[in-house]
């Protein structure tokens, strides 16, 4: 037992089990601790990118030769492809098994487009004014109270809109 307590994963697994037991035994008190959990998740999200970046940079810098860097890079790409495919398969399986959104019976004719457009954040409104459109699917993350959507803006529309704007502005400037 003394050997196991030296490793971080032991403490992480112990904390997971303890948190689950606490939520099972006293769910009301566990719900009140939600802000602590949300803060911890936000901290992990904030730190994960710099940690990965530093790990990659340190790994490349400590490699003795470029063959080793290439070999590690190839393994990383292979791992990424395998992990992404596995995650996709798990997601498709869960989607087909649980059918998320199947009980969400909303008639699109009853929705108010003007009210919905007014509720959008200013950045998304700007993209839509540029001729963008919302891509397929949206991810609603209730834990963080966010909705993630894919906004697609065709670059030729952006260039055309800005060129028309600046042509109009230059004509007004020369006419004055």
C-alpha atoms as a PDB file:
ATOM      1  CA  UNK A   1       0.000   0.000   0.000  1.00  0.00           C
ATOM      2  CA  UNK A   2       2.863   2.368   0.761  1.00  0.00           C
ATOM      3  CA  UNK A   3       4.129   2.041  -2.814  1.00  0.00           C
ATOM      4  CA  UNK A   4       0.751   2.901  -4.307  1.00  0.00           C
ATOM      5  CA  UNK A   5       0.352   6.093  -2.280  1.00  0.00           C
ATOM      6  CA  UNK A   6       3.390   7.596  -4.002  1.00  0.00           C
ATOM      7  CA  UNK A   7       1.637   7.750  -7.380  1.00  0.00           C
ATOM      8  CA  UNK A   8      -0.677  10.540  -8.453  1.00  0.00           C
ATOM      9  CA  UNK A   9      -3.101   8.276 -10.280  1.00  0.00           C
ATOM     10  CA  UNK A  10      -3.825   6.464  -7.004  1.00  0.00           C
ATOM     11  CA  UNK A  11      -4.931   9.723  -5.390  1.00  0.00           C
ATOM     12  CA  UNK A  12      -6.968  10.726  -8.442  1.00  0.00           C
ATOM     13  CA  UNK A  13      -8.819   7.398  -8.439  1.00  0.00           C
ATOM     14  CA  UNK A  14      -9.325   7.631  -4.677  1.00  0.00           C
ATOM     15  CA  UNK A  15     -10.770  11.147  -5.056  1.00  0.00           C
ATOM     16  CA  UNK A  16     -13.141   9.947  -7.797  1.00  0.00           C
ATOM     17  CA  UNK A  17     -14.409   7.112  -5.618  1.00  0.00           C
ATOM     18  CA  UNK A  18     -14.703   9.414  -2.579  1.00  0.00           C
ATOM     19  CA  UNK A  19     -16.625  12.009  -4.612  1.00  0.00           C
ATOM     20  CA  UNK A  20     -18.993   9.361  -5.928  1.00  0.00           C
ATOM     21  CA  UNK A  21     -19.611   8.013  -2.435  1.00  0.00           C
ATOM     22  CA  UNK A  22     -20.165  11.507  -1.055  1.00  0.00           C
ATOM     23  CA  UNK A  23     -22.697  12.245  -3.819  1.00  0.00           C
ATOM     24  CA  UNK A  24     -24.459   8.954  -3.166  1.00  0.00           C
ATOM     25  CA  UNK A  25     -24.597   9.378   0.623  1.00  0.00           C
ATOM     26  CA  UNK A  26     -25.411  13.098   0.789  1.00  0.00           C
ATOM     27  CA  UNK A  27     -26.615  14.363  -2.621  1.00  0.00           C
ATOM     28  CA  UNK A  28     -27.867  17.744  -1.332  1.00  0.00           C
ATOM     29  CA  UNK A  29     -24.466  18.674   0.092  1.00  0.00           C
ATOM     30  CA  UNK A  30     -22.742  17.362  -3.048  1.00  0.00           C
ATOM     31  CA  UNK A  31     -24.856  19.642  -5.270  1.00  0.00           C
ATOM     32  CA  UNK A  32     -23.822  22.641  -3.159  1.00  0.00           C
ATOM     33  CA  UNK A  33     -20.174  21.831  -3.953  1.00  0.00           C
ATOM     34  CA  UNK A  34     -20.788  22.162  -7.705  1.00  0.00           C
ATOM     35  CA  UNK A  35     -19.031  25.580  -7.972  1.00  0.00           C
ATOM     36  CA  UNK A  36     -15.833  23.998  -6.643  1.00  0.00           C
ATOM     37  CA  UNK A  37     -16.018  21.279  -9.282  1.00  0.00           C
ATOM     38  CA  UNK A  38     -16.779  23.828 -12.014  1.00  0.00           C
ATOM     39  CA  UNK A  39     -13.804  25.913 -10.919  1.00  0.00           C
ATOM     40  CA  UNK A  40     -11.542  22.879 -10.981  1.00  0.00           C
ATOM     41  CA  UNK A  41     -12.703  21.942 -14.486  1.00  0.00           C
ATOM     42  CA  UNK A  42     -12.087  25.521 -15.653  1.00  0.00           C
ATOM     43  CA  UNK A  43      -8.566  25.423 -14.185  1.00  0.00           C
ATOM     44  CA  UNK A  44      -7.821  22.131 -15.915  1.00  0.00           C
ATOM     45  CA  UNK A  45      -9.104  23.517 -19.231  1.00  0.00           C
ATOM     46  CA  UNK A  46      -6.925  26.598 -18.769  1.00  0.00           C
ATOM     47  CA  UNK A  47      -3.774  24.608 -17.989  1.00  0.00           C
ATOM     48  CA  UNK A  48      -4.052  21.720 -20.436  1.00  0.00           C
ATOM     49  CA  UNK A  49      -2.920  23.616 -23.548  1.00  0.00           C
ATOM     50  CA  UNK A  50       0.272  25.085 -22.051  1.00  0.00           C
ATOM     51  CA  UNK A  51       1.146  21.727 -20.486  1.00  0.00           C
ATOM     52  CA  UNK A  52       0.774  19.912 -23.802  1.00  0.00           C
ATOM     53  CA  UNK A  53       2.733  22.615 -25.620  1.00  0.00           C
ATOM     54  CA  UNK A  54       5.587  22.508 -23.101  1.00  0.00           C
ATOM     55  CA  UNK A  55       5.645  18.713 -23.200  1.00  0.00           C
ATOM     56  CA  UNK A  56       5.921  18.687 -26.993  1.00  0.00           C
ATOM     57  CA  UNK A  57       8.602  21.399 -27.053  1.00  0.00           C
ATOM     58  CA  UNK A  58      10.597  19.683 -24.328  1.00  0.00           C
ATOM     59  CA  UNK A  59      10.285  16.344 -26.116  1.00  0.00           C
ATOM     60  CA  UNK A  60      11.552  17.801 -29.399  1.00  0.00           C
ATOM     61  CA  UNK A  61      14.342  19.724 -27.679  1.00  0.00           C
ATOM     62  CA  UNK A  62      15.528  16.692 -25.740  1.00  0.00           C
ATOM     63  CA  UNK A  63      15.557  14.420 -28.788  1.00  0.00           C
ATOM     64  CA  UNK A  64      19.128  13.824 -29.908  1.00  0.00           C
ATOM     65  CA  UNK A  65      18.545  13.586 -33.642  1.00  0.00           C
ATOM     66  CA  UNK A  66      15.896  14.342 -36.229  1.00  0.00           C
ATOM     67  CA  UNK A  67      15.245  10.627 -36.865  1.00  0.00           C
ATOM     68  CA  UNK A  68      14.011  10.292 -33.306  1.00  0.00           C
ATOM     69  CA  UNK A  69      11.821  13.397 -33.674  1.00  0.00           C
ATOM     70  CA  UNK A  70      10.336  11.993 -36.891  1.00  0.00           C
ATOM     71  CA  UNK A  71       9.689   8.619 -35.301  1.00  0.00           C
ATOM     72  CA  UNK A  72       7.984  10.204 -32.300  1.00  0.00           C
ATOM     73  CA  UNK A  73       5.990  12.507 -34.613  1.00  0.00           C
ATOM     74  CA  UNK A  74       4.845   9.544 -36.679  1.00  0.00           C
ATOM     75  CA  UNK A  75       3.771   7.683 -33.560  1.00  0.00           C
ATOM     76  CA  UNK A  76       1.924  10.791 -32.334  1.00  0.00           C
ATOM     77  CA  UNK A  77       0.034  11.119 -35.623  1.00  0.00           C
ATOM     78  CA  UNK A  78      -0.833   7.419 -35.573  1.00  0.00           C
ATOM     79  CA  UNK A  79      -2.023   7.703 -31.965  1.00  0.00           C
ATOM     80  CA  UNK A  80      -4.105  10.774 -32.829  1.00  0.00           C
ATOM     81  CA  UNK A  81      -5.749   8.997 -35.767  1.00  0.00           C
ATOM     82  CA  UNK A  82      -6.511   5.860 -33.745  1.00  0.00           C
ATOM     83  CA  UNK A  83      -7.801   7.814 -30.738  1.00  0.00           C
ATOM     84  CA  UNK A  84      -9.948  10.086 -32.946  1.00  0.00           C
ATOM     85  CA  UNK A  85     -11.436   7.106 -34.773  1.00  0.00           C
ATOM     86  CA  UNK A  86     -12.151   5.362 -31.491  1.00  0.00           C
ATOM     87  CA  UNK A  87     -13.775   8.506 -30.061  1.00  0.00           C
ATOM     88  CA  UNK A  88     -15.880   8.852 -33.198  1.00  0.00           C
ATOM     89  CA  UNK A  89     -17.022   5.240 -32.972  1.00  0.00           C
ATOM     90  CA  UNK A  90     -17.887   5.625 -29.283  1.00  0.00           C
ATOM     91  CA  UNK A  91     -19.814   8.824 -30.046  1.00  0.00           C
ATOM     92  CA  UNK A  92     -21.754   7.215 -32.887  1.00  0.00           C
ATOM     93  CA  UNK A  93     -22.547   4.185 -30.750  1.00  0.00           C
ATOM     94  CA  UNK A  94     -23.780   6.312 -27.848  1.00  0.00           C
ATOM     95  CA  UNK A  95     -25.789   8.504 -30.229  1.00  0.00           C
ATOM     96  CA  UNK A  96     -27.496   5.540 -31.858  1.00  0.00           C
ATOM     97  CA  UNK A  97     -28.145   3.842 -28.524  1.00  0.00           C
ATOM     98  CA  UNK A  98     -29.431   6.796 -26.457  1.00  0.00           C
ATOM     99  CA  UNK A  99     -30.854   8.929 -29.299  1.00  0.00           C
ATOM    100  CA  UNK A 100     -30.171  12.368 -27.755  1.00  0.00           C
ATOM    101  CA  UNK A 101     -32.750  14.983 -28.670  1.00  0.00           C
ATOM    102  CA  UNK A 102     -35.402  12.463 -29.695  1.00  0.00           C
ATOM    103  CA  UNK A 103     -37.776  13.690 -26.976  1.00  0.00           C
ATOM    104  CA  UNK A 104     -37.188  17.337 -27.899  1.00  0.00           C
ATOM    105  CA  UNK A 105     -40.410  17.831 -29.851  1.00  0.00           C
ATOM    106  CA  UNK A 106     -40.293  21.396 -31.156  1.00  0.00           C
ATOM    107  CA  UNK A 107     -42.213  22.590 -34.164  1.00  0.00           C
ATOM    108  CA  UNK A 108     -39.953  25.023 -36.067  1.00  0.00           C
ATOM    109  CA  UNK A 109     -43.040  26.941 -37.245  1.00  0.00           C
ATOM    110  CA  UNK A 110     -43.770  27.998 -33.652  1.00  0.00           C
ATOM    111  CA  UNK A 111     -40.331  29.567 -33.119  1.00  0.00           C
ATOM    112  CA  UNK A 112     -39.884  33.344 -33.347  1.00  0.00           C
ATOM    113  CA  UNK A 113     -36.883  33.995 -35.654  1.00  0.00           C
ATOM    114  CA  UNK A 114     -36.629  37.692 -34.707  1.00  0.00           C
ATOM    115  CA  UNK A 115     -36.580  36.912 -30.987  1.00  0.00           C
ATOM    116  CA  UNK A 116     -34.063  34.136 -31.485  1.00  0.00           C
ATOM    117  CA  UNK A 117     -31.806  36.430 -33.543  1.00  0.00           C
ATOM    118  CA  UNK A 118     -31.992  39.081 -30.823  1.00  0.00           C
ATOM    119  CA  UNK A 119     -30.830  36.523 -28.238  1.00  0.00           C
ATOM    120  CA  UNK A 120     -27.673  35.656 -30.203  1.00  0.00           C
ATOM    121  CA  UNK A 121     -24.293  36.970 -29.052  1.00  0.00           C
ATOM    122  CA  UNK A 122     -22.947  39.954 -31.062  1.00  0.00           C
ATOM    123  CA  UNK A 123     -20.083  37.948 -32.597  1.00  0.00           C
ATOM    124  CA  UNK A 124     -22.446  35.386 -34.134  1.00  0.00           C
ATOM    125  CA  UNK A 125     -24.728  38.192 -35.373  1.00  0.00           C
ATOM    126  CA  UNK A 126     -21.718  39.730 -37.118  1.00  0.00           C
ATOM    127  CA  UNK A 127     -20.874  36.450 -38.833  1.00  0.00           C
ATOM    128  CA  UNK A 128     -24.473  36.060 -39.976  1.00  0.00           C
ATOM    129  CA  UNK A 129     -24.444  39.628 -41.358  1.00  0.00           C
ATOM    130  CA  UNK A 130     -21.380  38.668 -43.396  1.00  0.00           C
ATOM    131  CA  UNK A 131     -23.386  35.920 -45.053  1.00  0.00           C
ATOM    132  CA  UNK A 132     -22.340  33.114 -42.749  1.00  0.00           C
ATOM    133  CA  UNK A 133     -24.612  30.311 -41.739  1.00  0.00           C
ATOM    134  CA  UNK A 134     -24.808  27.890 -38.880  1.00  0.00           C
ATOM    135  CA  UNK A 135     -23.329  24.532 -39.825  1.00  0.00           C
ATOM    136  CA  UNK A 136     -24.861  21.188 -39.011  1.00  0.00           C
ATOM    137  CA  UNK A 137     -25.302  20.412 -35.347  1.00  0.00           C
ATOM    138  CA  UNK A 138     -24.836  22.315 -32.158  1.00  0.00           C
ATOM    139  CA  UNK A 139     -23.406  21.100 -28.887  1.00  0.00           C
ATOM    140  CA  UNK A 140     -25.293  22.253 -25.804  1.00  0.00           C
ATOM    141  CA  UNK A 141     -23.049  22.049 -22.755  1.00  0.00           C
ATOM    142  CA  UNK A 142     -25.347  22.483 -19.759  1.00  0.00           C
ATOM    143  CA  UNK A 143     -22.512  22.085 -17.270  1.00  0.00           C
ATOM    144  CA  UNK A 144     -20.800  25.254 -18.546  1.00  0.00           C
ATOM    145  CA  UNK A 145     -24.038  26.898 -19.745  1.00  0.00           C
ATOM    146  CA  UNK A 146     -22.776  27.213 -23.329  1.00  0.00           C
ATOM    147  CA  UNK A 147     -23.924  26.244 -26.785  1.00  0.00           C
ATOM    148  CA  UNK A 148     -21.166  25.535 -29.277  1.00  0.00           C
ATOM    149  CA  UNK A 149     -22.068  26.004 -32.928  1.00  0.00           C
ATOM    150  CA  UNK A 150     -20.066  25.896 -36.122  1.00  0.00           C
ATOM    151  CA  UNK A 151     -20.384  29.144 -38.084  1.00  0.00           C
ATOM    152  CA  UNK A 152     -19.399  28.834 -41.732  1.00  0.00           C
ATOM    153  CA  UNK A 153     -18.461  32.036 -43.562  1.00  0.00           C
ATOM    154  CA  UNK A 154     -17.409  31.779 -47.170  1.00  0.00           C
ATOM    155  CA  UNK A 155     -14.314  33.899 -47.703  1.00  0.00           C
ATOM    156  CA  UNK A 156     -15.444  35.165 -51.096  1.00  0.00           C
ATOM    157  CA  UNK A 157     -18.535  36.671 -49.423  1.00  0.00           C
ATOM    158  CA  UNK A 158     -16.362  38.419 -46.843  1.00  0.00           C
ATOM    159  CA  UNK A 159     -14.022  39.829 -49.490  1.00  0.00           C
ATOM    160  CA  UNK A 160     -16.942  41.000 -51.635  1.00  0.00           C
ATOM    161  CA  UNK A 161     -18.719  42.655 -48.709  1.00  0.00           C
ATOM    162  CA  UNK A 162     -15.588  44.506 -47.545  1.00  0.00           C
ATOM    163  CA  UNK A 163     -14.673  45.606 -51.075  1.00  0.00           C
ATOM    164  CA  UNK A 164     -18.186  47.019 -51.576  1.00  0.00           C
ATOM    165  CA  UNK A 165     -17.952  48.788 -48.205  1.00  0.00           C
ATOM    166  CA  UNK A 166     -14.590  50.378 -48.955  1.00  0.00           C
ATOM    167  CA  UNK A 167     -15.579  51.295 -52.547  1.00  0.00           C
ATOM    168  CA  UNK A 168     -18.623  53.113 -51.179  1.00  0.00           C
ATOM    169  CA  UNK A 169     -16.480  54.830 -48.547  1.00  0.00           C
ATOM    170  CA  UNK A 170     -13.884  55.980 -51.086  1.00  0.00           C
ATOM    171  CA  UNK A 171     -16.602  57.333 -53.426  1.00  0.00           C
ATOM    172  CA  UNK A 172     -18.094  59.309 -50.529  1.00  0.00           C
ATOM    173  CA  UNK A 173     -14.652  60.656 -49.630  1.00  0.00           C
ATOM    174  CA  UNK A 174     -13.896  61.802 -53.190  1.00  0.00           C
ATOM    175  CA  UNK A 175     -17.373  63.277 -53.648  1.00  0.00           C
ATOM    176  CA  UNK A 176     -17.011  65.435 -50.539  1.00  0.00           C
END
